[in-house]
Amino acid sequence: MTLNTQFLTMFTMVAMGGVYIGGAAYYTFKRIEKWWADGIIRRYLLEFLFWIVQAFVFFYVLYQVNEGILRFYIFLAVFCGYAMFKALLEQAYSKGLELAIRIISHILRMVYAIIHWVLIKPITLLFTFVVVCLSWLYQLFFRLFSFIFRILFYPFILLWNYVKRFMPKMEKNYLYQFFVYLVK
């Protein structure tokens, strides 16, 4: 391995330690983990998957830089990158991450509001309008049918009221029970 390859490997591993392995990526993961990891099993599963992805990325970068040769000083370089992130960059990164999260949450709220007012609200208003119109038509047809029914059967009702006056009480009771039975 040439000196140029070793220097490139050291620089890349310091950057990997500070930015990706344990540094900024882990800080970001821990910051946003509480949004989707409710249970302890999900939290440990996500943590495990995070570190598996970190290992694959680490070895992929190492393979690209120096053909995958793993030496002790590579681990020291990653640790130095992590220590550099913790000592020098963590506070600035924290402020930047909070700002980015705030901006993204405002953008997502704005997109949600636009979708709500442009798509969902008109559909619900249209659905409500259709339901109200159908209800109004149902009531109109019911009242119209009731009115026509009363007009058509009005002569029979008058005749029945006239005949009912001359009927004996016993037959009235019998007919009343008969009509109650028919209505049930």
Protein backbone atom coordinates (compact mmCIF):
# COMPACT_ATOMS: atom_id res chain seq x y z
CA MET A 1 0.00 0.00 0.00
CA THR A 2 1.47 3.33 -1.00
CA LEU A 3 1.78 6.34 1.24
CA ASN A 4 -0.81 8.19 -0.84
CA THR A 5 -3.32 5.34 -0.30
CA GLN A 6 -2.60 5.28 3.42
CA PHE A 7 -3.10 9.05 3.69
CA LEU A 8 -6.35 8.82 1.72
CA THR A 9 -7.48 5.92 3.94
CA MET A 10 -6.71 7.85 7.13
CA PHE A 11 -8.48 10.99 5.90
CA THR A 12 -11.53 9.00 4.74
CA MET A 13 -11.78 7.05 7.99
CA VAL A 14 -11.50 10.24 10.09
CA ALA A 15 -14.32 11.67 7.97
CA MET A 16 -16.32 8.43 8.33
CA GLY A 17 -15.90 8.53 12.11
CA GLY A 18 -16.97 12.16 12.36
CA VAL A 19 -19.75 12.24 9.84
CA TYR A 20 -21.08 8.76 9.43
CA ILE A 21 -19.96 6.17 11.98
CA GLY A 22 -21.06 7.34 15.42
CA GLY A 23 -20.90 11.02 14.58
CA ALA A 24 -23.51 13.08 12.77
CA ALA A 25 -25.49 10.12 11.43
CA TYR A 26 -25.85 8.54 14.87
CA TYR A 27 -26.75 11.88 16.44
CA THR A 28 -29.42 12.41 13.77
CA PHE A 29 -30.68 8.84 14.20
CA LYS A 30 -31.02 9.30 17.97
CA ARG A 31 -32.74 12.68 17.50
CA ILE A 32 -35.44 11.39 15.13
CA GLU A 33 -35.71 7.87 16.57
CA LYS A 34 -38.39 8.92 19.07
CA TRP A 35 -40.81 9.71 16.23
CA TRP A 36 -41.09 6.17 14.93
CA ALA A 37 -39.77 3.87 17.67
CA ASP A 38 -42.56 3.50 20.20
CA GLY A 39 -41.91 0.09 21.71
CA ILE A 40 -38.67 -1.23 23.11
CA ILE A 41 -38.51 -4.09 20.59
CA ARG A 42 -38.92 -1.71 17.66
CA ARG A 43 -36.30 0.59 19.14
CA TYR A 44 -33.73 -2.19 19.50
CA LEU A 45 -34.57 -3.53 16.05
CA LEU A 46 -34.07 -0.10 14.48
CA GLU A 47 -30.82 0.36 16.41
CA PHE A 48 -29.58 -3.02 15.16
CA LEU A 49 -30.54 -2.21 11.57
CA PHE A 50 -28.85 1.19 11.83
CA TRP A 51 -25.57 -0.39 12.90
CA ILE A 52 -25.80 -3.07 10.20
CA VAL A 53 -26.20 -0.35 7.56
CA GLN A 54 -23.32 1.59 9.15
CA ALA A 55 -21.08 -1.49 8.93
CA PHE A 56 -21.95 -2.10 5.28
CA VAL A 57 -21.26 1.53 4.38
CA PHE A 58 -18.01 1.49 6.37
CA PHE A 59 -16.69 -1.59 4.63
CA TYR A 60 -17.89 -0.37 1.23
CA VAL A 61 -15.99 2.92 1.64
CA LEU A 62 -12.98 1.05 2.97
CA TYR A 63 -13.09 -1.26 -0.04
CA GLN A 64 -13.31 1.71 -2.42
CA VAL A 65 -10.41 3.53 -0.74
CA ASN A 66 -7.84 0.80 -0.10
CA GLU A 67 -9.34 -2.42 -1.48
CA GLY A 68 -10.73 -3.48 1.91
CA ILE A 69 -7.49 -3.82 3.85
CA LEU A 70 -8.38 -3.50 7.51
CA ARG A 71 -5.62 -2.37 9.88
CA PHE A 72 -5.56 -1.26 13.51
CA TYR A 73 -4.88 2.40 12.67
CA ILE A 74 -8.15 2.51 10.67
CA PHE A 75 -10.09 1.98 13.90
CA LEU A 76 -8.00 4.71 15.56
CA ALA A 77 -8.79 7.05 12.68
CA VAL A 78 -12.53 6.37 13.03
CA PHE A 79 -12.29 6.99 16.78
CA CYS A 80 -10.38 10.25 16.16
CA GLY A 81 -13.09 11.37 13.73
CA TYR A 82 -15.77 10.59 16.30
CA ALA A 83 -13.85 12.48 19.00
CA MET A 84 -13.39 15.43 16.64
CA PHE A 85 -17.14 15.51 15.99
CA LYS A 86 -17.97 15.35 19.70
CA ALA A 87 -15.45 18.04 20.66
CA LEU A 88 -15.72 20.50 17.79
CA LEU A 89 -18.85 19.98 15.74
CA GLU A 90 -21.61 18.54 17.92
CA GLN A 91 -23.08 21.84 19.18
CA ALA A 92 -23.09 23.48 15.75
CA TYR A 93 -24.51 20.32 14.17
CA SER A 94 -27.18 20.15 16.87
CA LYS A 95 -28.33 23.71 16.14
CA GLY A 96 -28.28 23.07 12.40
CA LEU A 97 -30.19 19.83 12.80
CA GLU A 98 -32.86 21.48 14.97
CA LEU A 99 -33.21 24.25 12.39
CA ALA A 100 -33.49 21.71 9.58
CA ILE A 101 -36.08 19.70 11.52
CA ARG A 102 -38.09 22.86 12.20
CA ILE A 103 -37.96 23.92 8.55
CA ILE A 104 -38.92 20.44 7.33
CA SER A 105 -41.78 20.20 9.84
CA HIS A 106 -43.10 23.60 8.73
CA ILE A 107 -42.89 22.55 5.10
CA LEU A 108 -44.68 19.28 5.85
CA ARG A 109 -47.39 21.13 7.79
CA MET A 110 -47.81 23.53 4.89
CA VAL A 111 -48.05 20.65 2.40
CA TYR A 112 -50.57 18.93 4.66
CA ALA A 113 -52.64 22.12 4.92
CA ILE A 114 -52.56 22.61 1.14
CA ILE A 115 -53.61 19.01 0.54
CA HIS A 116 -56.31 19.33 3.19
CA TRP A 117 -57.78 22.54 1.77
CA VAL A 118 -57.32 21.71 -1.91
CA LEU A 119 -58.27 18.02 -1.96
CA ILE A 120 -59.85 16.74 1.23
CA LYS A 121 -62.05 19.70 2.20
CA PRO A 122 -63.71 20.08 -1.23
CA ILE A 123 -64.39 16.34 -1.41
CA THR A 124 -65.99 16.34 2.05
CA LEU A 125 -68.02 19.43 1.19
CA LEU A 126 -69.16 17.84 -2.07
CA PHE A 127 -70.07 14.63 -0.26
CA THR A 128 -72.00 16.61 2.37
CA PHE A 129 -73.78 18.57 -0.36
CA VAL A 130 -74.78 15.35 -2.15
CA VAL A 131 -76.04 13.79 1.08
CA VAL A 132 -78.04 16.91 1.96
CA CYS A 133 -79.53 17.07 -1.55
CA LEU A 134 -80.47 13.39 -1.48
CA SER A 135 -82.03 13.83 1.96
CA TRP A 136 -83.98 16.84 0.74
CA LEU A 137 -85.18 14.90 -2.33
CA TYR A 138 -86.20 11.98 -0.16
CA GLN A 139 -88.24 14.26 2.10
CA LEU A 140 -89.76 15.99 -0.93
CA PHE A 141 -90.79 12.70 -2.54
CA PHE A 142 -92.11 11.38 0.75
CA ARG A 143 -94.24 14.48 1.34
CA LEU A 144 -95.41 14.48 -2.27
CA PHE A 145 -96.34 10.81 -2.09
CA SER A 146 -98.10 11.40 1.22
CA PHE A 147 -100.03 14.33 -0.26
CA ILE A 148 -101.05 12.35 -3.35
CA PHE A 149 -102.02 9.41 -1.18
CA ARG A 150 -104.24 11.64 0.96
CA ILE A 151 -105.86 13.20 -2.11
CA LEU A 152 -106.55 9.83 -3.71
CA PHE A 153 -107.92 8.21 -0.59
CA TYR A 154 -109.77 11.24 0.75
CA PRO A 155 -113.14 10.10 -0.68
CA PHE A 156 -112.68 6.69 0.91
CA ILE A 157 -111.79 8.27 4.25
CA LEU A 158 -114.91 10.43 4.08
CA LEU A 159 -117.00 7.41 3.20
CA TRP A 160 -115.46 5.41 6.01
CA ASN A 161 -116.14 8.18 8.54
CA TYR A 162 -119.74 8.37 7.33
CA VAL A 163 -120.26 4.59 7.49
CA LYS A 164 -118.55 4.35 10.86
CA ARG A 165 -121.25 6.53 12.48
CA PHE A 166 -123.95 4.03 11.65
CA MET A 167 -122.05 0.89 12.67
CA PRO A 168 -122.70 -0.80 15.99
CA LYS A 169 -120.03 -0.57 18.63
CA MET A 170 -119.10 -4.27 18.43
CA GLU A 171 -118.26 -4.10 14.74
CA LYS A 172 -116.25 -0.93 15.27
CA ASN A 173 -114.08 -2.72 17.85
CA TYR A 174 -113.68 -5.70 15.55
CA LEU A 175 -112.69 -3.50 12.59
CA TYR A 176 -110.36 -1.49 14.78
CA GLN A 177 -108.55 -4.68 15.88
CA PHE A 178 -108.44 -5.81 12.25
CA PHE A 179 -106.84 -2.53 11.11
CA VAL A 180 -104.35 -2.62 14.00
CA TYR A 181 -103.41 -6.17 12.95
CA LEU A 182 -102.93 -5.02 9.34
CA VAL A 183 -100.75 -2.08 10.35
CA LYS A 184 -98.43 -4.24 12.43
